[in-house]
Amino acid sequence: MAMERKNTGEQQIIRVRVPRDSQVLGEVEQMLGNRRMLVRCTDNHTRLCRIPGKIRKRIWIKEGSIVLIEPWDVQSDEKGDILWRYNKGQVGWLKRKGFLKKLDEE
């Protein structure tokens, strides 16, 4: 007889990817189509970001999603690539640790 676990509604957080070097966190403001979107970042820039081909079919992003951005070497204040989308549990962890304070202030 197998024991069943009841769904508690909480997601377990195993590992949260945090920004490194030039990476920043951001919130998707607007979907533009053709895998491009406007993202408001924690460094007070709004960037035109794209989803690179290697992760395009792995992650689904919608408006309001919290994402990890890698700014381009050229036009770093205007454009970037989306590397990761955080789930609800990870977003809560990032807020508790203070990574998303700048997004909440605006």
PDB file of N, CA and C in Angstrom:
ATOM      1  N   MET A   1       0.832  -1.161   0.000  1.00  0.00           N
ATOM      2  CA  MET A   1       0.000   0.000   0.000  1.00  0.00           C
ATOM      3  C   MET A   1       0.892   1.244   0.000  1.00  0.00           C
ATOM      4  N   ALA A   2       0.761   2.041  -1.052  1.00  0.00           N
ATOM      5  CA  ALA A   2       1.587   3.234  -1.196  1.00  0.00           C
ATOM      6  C   ALA A   2       0.942   4.411  -0.469  1.00  0.00           C
ATOM      7  N   MET A   3       1.769   5.201   0.172  1.00  0.00           N
ATOM      8  CA  MET A   3       1.254   6.382   0.865  1.00  0.00           C
ATOM      9  C   MET A   3       1.166   7.540  -0.118  1.00  0.00           C
ATOM     10  N   GLU A   4       0.083   8.271  -0.047  1.00  0.00           N
ATOM     11  CA  GLU A   4      -0.094   9.420  -0.926  1.00  0.00           C
ATOM     12  C   GLU A   4       0.158  10.693  -0.146  1.00  0.00           C
ATOM     13  N   ARG A   5       0.837  11.628  -0.788  1.00  0.00           N
ATOM     14  CA  ARG A   5       1.079  12.920  -0.159  1.00  0.00           C
ATOM     15  C   ARG A   5       0.029  13.896  -0.641  1.00  0.00           C
ATOM     16  N   LYS A   6      -0.528  14.617   0.279  1.00  0.00           N
ATOM     17  CA  LYS A   6      -1.519  15.611  -0.101  1.00  0.00           C
ATOM     18  C   LYS A   6      -0.819  16.872  -0.579  1.00  0.00           C
ATOM     19  N   ASN A   7      -1.434  17.517  -1.567  1.00  0.00           N
ATOM     20  CA  ASN A   7      -0.870  18.750  -2.096  1.00  0.00           C
ATOM     21  C   ASN A   7      -1.120  19.876  -1.094  1.00  0.00           C
ATOM     22  N   THR A   8      -0.058  20.446  -0.574  1.00  0.00           N
ATOM     23  CA  THR A   8      -0.179  21.509   0.423  1.00  0.00           C
ATOM     24  C   THR A   8      -0.289  22.883  -0.223  1.00  0.00           C
ATOM     25  N   GLY A   9      -0.075  22.988  -1.514  1.00  0.00           N
ATOM     26  CA  GLY A   9      -0.158  24.271  -2.197  1.00  0.00           C
ATOM     27  C   GLY A   9       1.150  25.038  -2.197  1.00  0.00           C
ATOM     28  N   GLU A  10       2.122  24.602  -1.440  1.00  0.00           N
ATOM     29  CA  GLU A  10       3.416  25.274  -1.407  1.00  0.00           C
ATOM     30  C   GLU A  10       4.382  24.537  -2.314  1.00  0.00           C
ATOM     31  N   GLN A  11       5.178  25.318  -3.014  1.00  0.00           N
ATOM     32  CA  GLN A  11       6.187  24.719  -3.871  1.00  0.00           C
ATOM     33  C   GLN A  11       7.494  24.668  -3.104  1.00  0.00           C
ATOM     34  N   GLN A  12       8.191  23.556  -3.223  1.00  0.00           N
ATOM     35  CA  GLN A  12       9.468  23.437  -2.553  1.00  0.00           C
ATOM     36  C   GLN A  12      10.523  24.159  -3.376  1.00  0.00           C
ATOM     37  N   ILE A  13      11.363  24.888  -2.684  1.00  0.00           N
ATOM     38  CA  ILE A  13      12.447  25.598  -3.351  1.00  0.00           C
ATOM     39  C   ILE A  13      13.714  24.798  -3.136  1.00  0.00           C
ATOM     40  N   ILE A  14      14.242  24.277  -4.216  1.00  0.00           N
ATOM     41  CA  ILE A  14      15.452  23.483  -4.114  1.00  0.00           C
ATOM     42  C   ILE A  14      16.679  24.375  -4.326  1.00  0.00           C
ATOM     43  N   ARG A  15      16.641  25.154  -5.407  1.00  0.00           N
ATOM     44  CA  ARG A  15      17.772  25.994  -5.739  1.00  0.00           C
ATOM     45  C   ARG A  15      17.257  27.215  -6.482  1.00  0.00           C
ATOM     46  N   VAL A  16      17.716  28.389  -6.095  1.00  0.00           N
ATOM     47  CA  VAL A  16      17.296  29.621  -6.745  1.00  0.00           C
ATOM     48  C   VAL A  16      18.509  30.233  -7.431  1.00  0.00           C
ATOM     49  N   ARG A  17      18.344  30.546  -8.688  1.00  0.00           N
ATOM     50  CA  ARG A  17      19.421  31.150  -9.469  1.00  0.00           C
ATOM     51  C   ARG A  17      19.443  32.650  -9.177  1.00  0.00           C
ATOM     52  N   VAL A  18      20.564  33.165  -8.686  1.00  0.00           N
ATOM     53  CA  VAL A  18      20.685  34.588  -8.362  1.00  0.00           C
ATOM     54  C   VAL A  18      21.561  35.267  -9.414  1.00  0.00           C
ATOM     55  N   PRO A  19      21.409  36.589  -9.582  1.00  0.00           N
ATOM     56  CA  PRO A  19      22.200  37.298 -10.598  1.00  0.00           C
ATOM     57  C   PRO A  19      23.690  37.264 -10.288  1.00  0.00           C
ATOM     58  N   ARG A  20      24.479  37.079 -11.334  1.00  0.00           N
ATOM     59  CA  ARG A  20      25.942  37.098 -11.229  1.00  0.00           C
ATOM     60  C   ARG A  20      26.489  38.149 -12.187  1.00  0.00           C
ATOM     61  N   ASP A  21      27.635  38.686 -11.878  1.00  0.00           N
ATOM     62  CA  ASP A  21      28.354  39.644 -12.726  1.00  0.00           C
ATOM     63  C   ASP A  21      27.421  40.741 -13.236  1.00  0.00           C
ATOM     64  N   SER A  22      27.142  40.765 -14.523  1.00  0.00           N
ATOM     65  CA  SER A  22      26.330  41.839 -15.100  1.00  0.00           C
ATOM     66  C   SER A  22      24.852  41.477 -15.194  1.00  0.00           C
ATOM     67  N   GLN A  23      24.448  40.303 -14.741  1.00  0.00           N
ATOM     68  CA  GLN A  23      23.052  39.879 -14.835  1.00  0.00           C
ATOM     69  C   GLN A  23      22.171  40.686 -13.879  1.00  0.00           C
ATOM     70  N   VAL A  24      20.919  40.933 -14.295  1.00  0.00           N
ATOM     71  CA  VAL A  24      19.968  41.667 -13.471  1.00  0.00           C
ATOM     72  C   VAL A  24      18.620  40.957 -13.492  1.00  0.00           C
ATOM     73  N   LEU A  25      17.801  41.257 -12.491  1.00  0.00           N
ATOM     74  CA  LEU A  25      16.441  40.736 -12.439  1.00  0.00           C
ATOM     75  C   LEU A  25      15.500  41.752 -13.062  1.00  0.00           C
ATOM     76  N   GLY A  26      14.374  41.276 -13.596  1.00  0.00           N
ATOM     77  CA  GLY A  26      13.409  42.183 -14.183  1.00  0.00           C
ATOM     78  C   GLY A  26      12.023  41.578 -14.213  1.00  0.00           C
ATOM     79  N   GLU A  27      11.037  42.443 -14.487  1.00  0.00           N
ATOM     80  CA  GLU A  27       9.637  42.028 -14.604  1.00  0.00           C
ATOM     81  C   GLU A  27       9.167  42.337 -16.017  1.00  0.00           C
ATOM     82  N   VAL A  28       8.540  41.361 -16.653  1.00  0.00           N
ATOM     83  CA  VAL A  28       8.058  41.536 -18.022  1.00  0.00           C
ATOM     84  C   VAL A  28       6.884  42.504 -17.999  1.00  0.00           C
ATOM     85  N   GLU A  29       7.004  43.604 -18.759  1.00  0.00           N
ATOM     86  CA  GLU A  29       5.941  44.603 -18.819  1.00  0.00           C
ATOM     87  C   GLU A  29       5.019  44.383 -20.007  1.00  0.00           C
ATOM     88  N   GLN A  30       5.605  44.036 -21.160  1.00  0.00           N
ATOM     89  CA  GLN A  30       4.795  43.934 -22.368  1.00  0.00           C
ATOM     90  C   GLN A  30       5.376  42.894 -23.302  1.00  0.00           C
ATOM     91  N   MET A  31       4.492  42.075 -23.870  1.00  0.00           N
ATOM     92  CA  MET A  31       4.882  41.093 -24.878  1.00  0.00           C
ATOM     93  C   MET A  31       4.798  41.771 -26.242  1.00  0.00           C
ATOM     94  N   LEU A  32       5.860  41.691 -27.024  1.00  0.00           N
ATOM     95  CA  LEU A  32       5.895  42.362 -28.313  1.00  0.00           C
ATOM     96  C   LEU A  32       5.760  41.406 -29.489  1.00  0.00           C
ATOM     97  N   GLY A  33       5.845  40.127 -29.251  1.00  0.00           N
ATOM     98  CA  GLY A  33       5.781  39.149 -30.334  1.00  0.00           C
ATOM     99  C   GLY A  33       7.168  38.835 -30.864  1.00  0.00           C
ATOM    100  N   ASN A  34       7.242  37.769 -31.658  1.00  0.00           N
ATOM    101  CA  ASN A  34       8.511  37.319 -32.237  1.00  0.00           C
ATOM    102  C   ASN A  34       9.576  37.141 -31.151  1.00  0.00           C
ATOM    103  N   ARG A  35       9.170  36.506 -30.044  1.00  0.00           N
ATOM    104  CA  ARG A  35      10.016  36.197 -28.875  1.00  0.00           C
ATOM    105  C   ARG A  35      10.732  37.397 -28.270  1.00  0.00           C
ATOM    106  N   ARG A  36      10.127  38.558 -28.387  1.00  0.00           N
ATOM    107  CA  ARG A  36      10.680  39.780 -27.805  1.00  0.00           C
ATOM    108  C   ARG A  36       9.691  40.360 -26.797  1.00  0.00           C
ATOM    109  N   MET A  37      10.230  41.052 -25.791  1.00  0.00           N
ATOM    110  CA  MET A  37       9.379  41.668 -24.775  1.00  0.00           C
ATOM    111  C   MET A  37      10.098  42.829 -24.105  1.00  0.00           C
ATOM    112  N   LEU A  38       9.325  43.744 -23.530  1.00  0.00           N
ATOM    113  CA  LEU A  38       9.877  44.844 -22.740  1.00  0.00           C
ATOM    114  C   LEU A  38       9.953  44.393 -21.295  1.00  0.00           C
ATOM    115  N   VAL A  39      11.121  44.593 -20.687  1.00  0.00           N
ATOM    116  CA  VAL A  39      11.352  44.155 -19.313  1.00  0.00           C
ATOM    117  C   VAL A  39      11.859  45.332 -18.496  1.00  0.00           C
ATOM    118  N   ARG A  40      11.198  45.601 -17.357  1.00  0.00           N
ATOM    119  CA  ARG A  40      11.647  46.635 -16.417  1.00  0.00           C
ATOM    120  C   ARG A  40      12.604  45.969 -15.441  1.00  0.00           C
ATOM    121  N   CYS A  41      13.853  46.431 -15.433  1.00  0.00           N
ATOM    122  CA  CYS A  41      14.910  45.774 -14.657  1.00  0.00           C
ATOM    123  C   CYS A  41      15.164  46.473 -13.336  1.00  0.00           C
ATOM    124  N   THR A  42      15.856  45.786 -12.422  1.00  0.00           N
ATOM    125  CA  THR A  42      16.141  46.320 -11.094  1.00  0.00           C
ATOM    126  C   THR A  42      17.192  47.424 -11.131  1.00  0.00           C
ATOM    127  N   ASP A  43      17.896  47.611 -12.251  1.00  0.00           N
ATOM    128  CA  ASP A  43      18.880  48.692 -12.361  1.00  0.00           C
ATOM    129  C   ASP A  43      18.284  49.940 -13.017  1.00  0.00           C
ATOM    130  N   ASN A  44      16.945  50.068 -12.955  1.00  0.00           N
ATOM    131  CA  ASN A  44      16.196  51.227 -13.448  1.00  0.00           C
ATOM    132  C   ASN A  44      16.290  51.441 -14.955  1.00  0.00           C
ATOM    133  N   HIS A  45      16.453  50.379 -15.723  1.00  0.00           N
ATOM    134  CA  HIS A  45      16.411  50.445 -17.183  1.00  0.00           C
ATOM    135  C   HIS A  45      15.252  49.592 -17.667  1.00  0.00           C
ATOM    136  N   THR A  46      14.630  50.016 -18.767  1.00  0.00           N
ATOM    137  CA  THR A  46      13.642  49.179 -19.443  1.00  0.00           C
ATOM    138  C   THR A  46      14.302  48.681 -20.714  1.00  0.00           C
ATOM    139  N   ARG A  47      14.450  47.365 -20.807  1.00  0.00           N
ATOM    140  CA  ARG A  47      15.184  46.770 -21.925  1.00  0.00           C
ATOM    141  C   ARG A  47      14.257  46.009 -22.860  1.00  0.00           C
ATOM    142  N   LEU A  48      14.620  46.019 -24.136  1.00  0.00           N
ATOM    143  CA  LEU A  48      13.988  45.164 -25.123  1.00  0.00           C
ATOM    144  C   LEU A  48      14.739  43.842 -25.066  1.00  0.00           C
ATOM    145  N   CYS A  49      14.078  42.799 -24.591  1.00  0.00           N
ATOM    146  CA  CYS A  49      14.750  41.516 -24.375  1.00  0.00           C
ATOM    147  C   CYS A  49      14.182  40.461 -25.303  1.00  0.00           C
ATOM    148  N   ARG A  50      15.013  39.495 -25.617  1.00  0.00           N
ATOM    149  CA  ARG A  50      14.585  38.377 -26.450  1.00  0.00           C
ATOM    150  C   ARG A  50      14.858  37.077 -25.705  1.00  0.00           C
ATOM    151  N   ILE A  51      14.166  36.041 -26.146  1.00  0.00           N
ATOM    152  CA  ILE A  51      14.410  34.710 -25.600  1.00  0.00           C
ATOM    153  C   ILE A  51      15.313  33.991 -26.592  1.00  0.00           C
ATOM    154  N   PRO A  52      16.533  33.641 -26.212  1.00  0.00           N
ATOM    155  CA  PRO A  52      17.426  32.946 -27.139  1.00  0.00           C
ATOM    156  C   PRO A  52      16.846  31.601 -27.584  1.00  0.00           C
ATOM    157  N   GLY A  53      17.240  31.152 -28.740  1.00  0.00           N
ATOM    158  CA  GLY A  53      16.692  29.942 -29.337  1.00  0.00           C
ATOM    159  C   GLY A  53      16.855  28.689 -28.498  1.00  0.00           C
ATOM    160  N   LYS A  54      17.952  28.572 -27.746  1.00  0.00           N
ATOM    161  CA  LYS A  54      18.188  27.334 -27.000  1.00  0.00           C
ATOM    162  C   LYS A  54      17.216  27.145 -25.842  1.00  0.00           C
ATOM    163  N   ILE A  55      16.587  28.239 -25.350  1.00  0.00           N
ATOM    164  CA  ILE A  55      15.625  28.077 -24.266  1.00  0.00           C
ATOM    165  C   ILE A  55      14.215  28.487 -24.666  1.00  0.00           C
ATOM    166  N   ARG A  56      14.012  28.858 -25.912  1.00  0.00           N
ATOM    167  CA  ARG A  56      12.727  29.395 -26.355  1.00  0.00           C
ATOM    168  C   ARG A  56      11.565  28.439 -26.116  1.00  0.00           C
ATOM    169  N   LYS A  57      11.741  27.173 -26.384  1.00  0.00           N
ATOM    170  CA  LYS A  57      10.640  26.217 -26.232  1.00  0.00           C
ATOM    171  C   LYS A  57      10.604  25.561 -24.859  1.00  0.00           C
ATOM    172  N   ARG A  58      11.554  25.890 -23.997  1.00  0.00           N
ATOM    173  CA  ARG A  58      11.579  25.295 -22.660  1.00  0.00           C
ATOM    174  C   ARG A  58      10.824  26.120 -21.632  1.00  0.00           C
ATOM    175  N   ILE A  59      10.804  27.442 -21.799  1.00  0.00           N
ATOM    176  CA  ILE A  59      10.148  28.283 -20.804  1.00  0.00           C
ATOM    177  C   ILE A  59       9.019  29.066 -21.446  1.00  0.00           C
ATOM    178  N   TRP A  60       7.942  29.266 -20.685  1.00  0.00           N
ATOM    179  CA  TRP A  60       6.804  30.048 -21.133  1.00  0.00           C
ATOM    180  C   TRP A  60       6.724  31.275 -20.250  1.00  0.00           C
ATOM    181  N   ILE A  61       6.764  32.428 -20.884  1.00  0.00           N
ATOM    182  CA  ILE A  61       6.798  33.689 -20.161  1.00  0.00           C
ATOM    183  C   ILE A  61       5.554  34.483 -20.497  1.00  0.00           C
ATOM    184  N   LYS A  62       4.974  35.140 -19.491  1.00  0.00           N
ATOM    185  CA  LYS A  62       3.831  36.015 -19.713  1.00  0.00           C
ATOM    186  C   LYS A  62       4.086  37.328 -18.982  1.00  0.00           C
ATOM    187  N   GLU A  63       3.221  38.314 -19.210  1.00  0.00           N
ATOM    188  CA  GLU A  63       3.377  39.611 -18.561  1.00  0.00           C
ATOM    189  C   GLU A  63       3.307  39.440 -17.050  1.00  0.00           C
ATOM    190  N   GLY A  64       4.204  40.106 -16.347  1.00  0.00           N
ATOM    191  CA  GLY A  64       4.265  40.006 -14.896  1.00  0.00           C
ATOM    192  C   GLY A  64       5.257  38.973 -14.400  1.00  0.00           C
ATOM    193  N   SER A  65       5.816  38.164 -15.285  1.00  0.00           N
ATOM    194  CA  SER A  65       6.805  37.155 -14.878  1.00  0.00           C
ATOM    195  C   SER A  65       8.095  37.831 -14.432  1.00  0.00           C
ATOM    196  N   ILE A  66       8.736  37.266 -13.425  1.00  0.00           N
ATOM    197  CA  ILE A  66      10.043  37.744 -12.970  1.00  0.00           C
ATOM    198  C   ILE A  66      11.090  36.894 -13.687  1.00  0.00           C
ATOM    199  N   VAL A  67      12.052  37.570 -14.334  1.00  0.00           N
ATOM    200  CA  VAL A  67      13.033  36.886 -15.171  1.00  0.00           C
ATOM    201  C   VAL A  67      14.444  37.362 -14.844  1.00  0.00           C
ATOM    202  N   LEU A  68      15.421  36.561 -15.241  1.00  0.00           N
ATOM    203  CA  LEU A  68      16.833  36.894 -15.116  1.00  0.00           C
ATOM    204  C   LEU A  68      17.320  37.349 -16.482  1.00  0.00           C
ATOM    205  N   ILE A  69      17.952  38.528 -16.541  1.00  0.00           N
ATOM    206  CA  ILE A  69      18.366  39.148 -17.794  1.00  0.00           C
ATOM    207  C   ILE A  69      19.886  39.209 -17.873  1.00  0.00           C
ATOM    208  N   GLU A  70      20.421  38.941 -19.055  1.00  0.00           N
ATOM    209  CA  GLU A  70      21.841  39.151 -19.354  1.00  0.00           C
ATOM    210  C   GLU A  70      21.918  40.289 -20.366  1.00  0.00           C
ATOM    211  N   PRO A  71      22.302  41.515 -19.926  1.00  0.00           N
ATOM    212  CA  PRO A  71      22.407  42.622 -20.883  1.00  0.00           C
ATOM    213  C   PRO A  71      23.463  42.332 -21.952  1.00  0.00           C
ATOM    214  N   TRP A  72      23.198  42.844 -23.153  1.00  0.00           N
ATOM    215  CA  TRP A  72      24.149  42.667 -24.237  1.00  0.00           C
ATOM    216  C   TRP A  72      25.413  43.486 -23.965  1.00  0.00           C
ATOM    217  N   ASP A  73      26.530  43.091 -24.595  1.00  0.00           N
ATOM    218  CA  ASP A  73      27.770  43.857 -24.467  1.00  0.00           C
ATOM    219  C   ASP A  73      27.617  45.219 -25.140  1.00  0.00           C
ATOM    220  N   VAL A  74      26.963  45.230 -26.298  1.00  0.00           N
ATOM    221  CA  VAL A  74      26.674  46.470 -27.013  1.00  0.00           C
ATOM    222  C   VAL A  74      25.235  46.862 -26.662  1.00  0.00           C
ATOM    223  N   GLN A  75      24.961  48.114 -26.431  1.00  0.00           N
ATOM    224  CA  GLN A  75      23.639  48.607 -26.051  1.00  0.00           C
ATOM    225  C   GLN A  75      23.137  47.920 -24.777  1.00  0.00           C
ATOM    226  N   SER A  76      23.979  47.838 -23.777  1.00  0.00           N
ATOM    227  CA  SER A  76      23.629  47.096 -22.560  1.00  0.00           C
ATOM    228  C   SER A  76      22.490  47.743 -21.777  1.00  0.00           C
ATOM    229  N   ASP A  77      22.257  49.050 -21.948  1.00  0.00           N
ATOM    230  CA  ASP A  77      21.161  49.714 -21.244  1.00  0.00           C
ATOM    231  C   ASP A  77      19.840  49.581 -21.985  1.00  0.00           C
ATOM    232  N   GLU A  78      19.865  49.073 -23.221  1.00  0.00           N
ATOM    233  CA  GLU A  78      18.658  49.014 -24.039  1.00  0.00           C
ATOM    234  C   GLU A  78      18.207  47.599 -24.385  1.00  0.00           C
ATOM    235  N   LYS A  79      19.132  46.649 -24.471  1.00  0.00           N
ATOM    236  CA  LYS A  79      18.780  45.302 -24.938  1.00  0.00           C
ATOM    237  C   LYS A  79      19.418  44.234 -24.076  1.00  0.00           C
ATOM    238  N   GLY A  80      18.795  43.040 -24.104  1.00  0.00           N
ATOM    239  CA  GLY A  80      19.328  41.927 -23.335  1.00  0.00           C
ATOM    240  C   GLY A  80      18.664  40.618 -23.712  1.00  0.00           C
ATOM    241  N   ASP A  81      19.168  39.542 -23.134  1.00  0.00           N
ATOM    242  CA  ASP A  81      18.629  38.195 -23.343  1.00  0.00           C
ATOM    243  C   ASP A  81      18.019  37.693 -22.036  1.00  0.00           C
ATOM    244  N   ILE A  82      16.929  36.964 -22.145  1.00  0.00           N
ATOM    245  CA  ILE A  82      16.298  36.352 -20.981  1.00  0.00           C
ATOM    246  C   ILE A  82      16.929  34.979 -20.762  1.00  0.00           C
ATOM    247  N   LEU A  83      17.427  34.754 -19.554  1.00  0.00           N
ATOM    248  CA  LEU A  83      18.098  33.492 -19.240  1.00  0.00           C
ATOM    249  C   LEU A  83      17.230  32.544 -18.430  1.00  0.00           C
ATOM    250  N   TRP A  84      16.306  33.082 -17.613  1.00  0.00           N
ATOM    251  CA  TRP A  84      15.598  32.241 -16.657  1.00  0.00           C
ATOM    252  C   TRP A  84      14.291  32.899 -16.247  1.00  0.00           C
ATOM    253  N   ARG A  85      13.265  32.098 -16.010  1.00  0.00           N
ATOM    254  CA  ARG A  85      11.993  32.586 -15.461  1.00  0.00           C
ATOM    255  C   ARG A  85      11.815  31.934 -14.098  1.00  0.00           C
ATOM    256  N   TYR A  86      11.460  32.737 -13.101  1.00  0.00           N
ATOM    257  CA  TYR A  86      11.288  32.238 -11.739  1.00  0.00           C
ATOM    258  C   TYR A  86       9.845  31.840 -11.484  1.00  0.00           C
ATOM    259  N   ASN A  87       9.638  30.770 -10.720  1.00  0.00           N
ATOM    260  CA  ASN A  87       8.280  30.385 -10.333  1.00  0.00           C
ATOM    261  C   ASN A  87       7.879  31.146  -9.066  1.00  0.00           C
ATOM    262  N   LYS A  88       6.648  30.950  -8.596  1.00  0.00           N
ATOM    263  CA  LYS A  88       6.122  31.727  -7.473  1.00  0.00           C
ATOM    264  C   LYS A  88       6.939  31.537  -6.193  1.00  0.00           C
ATOM    265  N   GLY A  89       7.332  30.331  -5.917  1.00  0.00           N
ATOM    266  CA  GLY A  89       8.119  30.069  -4.713  1.00  0.00           C
ATOM    267  C   GLY A  89       9.468  30.756  -4.762  1.00  0.00           C
ATOM    268  N   GLN A  90      10.101  30.735  -5.922  1.00  0.00           N
ATOM    269  CA  GLN A  90      11.398  31.383  -6.071  1.00  0.00           C
ATOM    270  C   GLN A  90      11.273  32.898  -5.968  1.00  0.00           C
ATOM    271  N   VAL A  91      10.184  33.468  -6.521  1.00  0.00           N
ATOM    272  CA  VAL A  91       9.962  34.918  -6.428  1.00  0.00           C
ATOM    273  C   VAL A  91       9.791  35.324  -4.969  1.00  0.00           C
ATOM    274  N   GLY A  92       9.061  34.535  -4.198  1.00  0.00           N
ATOM    275  CA  GLY A  92       8.911  34.817  -2.776  1.00  0.00           C
ATOM    276  C   GLY A  92      10.248  34.805  -2.048  1.00  0.00           C
ATOM    277  N   TRP A  93      11.103  33.852  -2.377  1.00  0.00           N
ATOM    278  CA  TRP A  93      12.435  33.767  -1.770  1.00  0.00           C
ATOM    279  C   TRP A  93      13.258  34.990  -2.138  1.00  0.00           C
ATOM    280  N   LEU A  94      13.211  35.402  -3.418  1.00  0.00           N
ATOM    281  CA  LEU A  94      13.968  36.575  -3.865  1.00  0.00           C
ATOM    282  C   LEU A  94      13.496  37.839  -3.155  1.00  0.00           C
ATOM    283  N   LYS A  95      12.185  37.960  -2.918  1.00  0.00           N
ATOM    284  CA  LYS A  95      11.661  39.123  -2.198  1.00  0.00           C
ATOM    285  C   LYS A  95      12.119  39.126  -0.742  1.00  0.00           C
ATOM    286  N   ARG A  96      12.080  37.961  -0.101  1.00  0.00           N
ATOM    287  CA  ARG A  96      12.516  37.869   1.301  1.00  0.00           C
ATOM    288  C   ARG A  96      13.994  38.213   1.460  1.00  0.00           C
ATOM    289  N   LYS A  97      14.803  37.834   0.488  1.00  0.00           N
ATOM    290  CA  LYS A  97      16.247  38.082   0.551  1.00  0.00           C
ATOM    291  C   LYS A  97      16.636  39.469   0.060  1.00  0.00           C
ATOM    292  N   GLY A  98      15.662  40.251  -0.481  1.00  0.00           N
ATOM    293  CA  GLY A  98      15.942  41.631  -0.864  1.00  0.00           C
ATOM    294  C   GLY A  98      16.418  41.839  -2.291  1.00  0.00           C
ATOM    295  N   PHE A  99      16.335  40.835  -3.134  1.00  0.00           N
ATOM    296  CA  PHE A  99      16.776  40.982  -4.520  1.00  0.00           C
ATOM    297  C   PHE A  99      15.785  41.805  -5.352  1.00  0.00           C
ATOM    298  N   LEU A 100      14.518  41.834  -4.971  1.00  0.00           N
ATOM    299  CA  LEU A 100      13.488  42.499  -5.773  1.00  0.00           C
ATOM    300  C   LEU A 100      12.981  43.796  -5.143  1.00  0.00           C
ATOM    301  N   LYS A 101      13.717  44.407  -4.241  1.00  0.00           N
ATOM    302  CA  LYS A 101      13.269  45.632  -3.589  1.00  0.00           C
ATOM    303  C   LYS A 101      13.042  46.761  -4.584  1.00  0.00           C
ATOM    304  N   LYS A 102      13.927  46.918  -5.556  1.00  0.00           N
ATOM    305  CA  LYS A 102      13.822  48.029  -6.503  1.00  0.00           C
ATOM    306  C   LYS A 102      12.603  47.896  -7.395  1.00  0.00           C
ATOM    307  N   LEU A 103      12.163  46.684  -7.708  1.00  0.00           N
ATOM    308  CA  LEU A 103      10.967  46.502  -8.523  1.00  0.00           C
ATOM    309  C   LEU A 103       9.706  46.821  -7.724  1.00  0.00           C
ATOM    310  N   ASP A 104       9.718  46.545  -6.426  1.00  0.00           N
ATOM    311  CA  ASP A 104       8.555  46.798  -5.581  1.00  0.00           C
ATOM    312  C   ASP A 104       8.354  48.289  -5.300  1.00  0.00           C
ATOM    313  N   GLU A 105       9.455  49.059  -5.299  1.00  0.00           N
ATOM    314  CA  GLU A 105       9.371  50.482  -4.982  1.00  0.00           C
ATOM    315  C   GLU A 105       8.650  51.275  -6.062  1.00  0.00           C
ATOM    316  N   GLU A 106       8.780  50.862  -7.302  1.00  0.00           N
ATOM    317  CA  GLU A 106       8.223  51.653  -8.409  1.00  0.00           C
ATOM    318  C   GLU A 106       6.767  51.386  -8.621  1.00  0.00           C
TER     319      GLU A 106
END
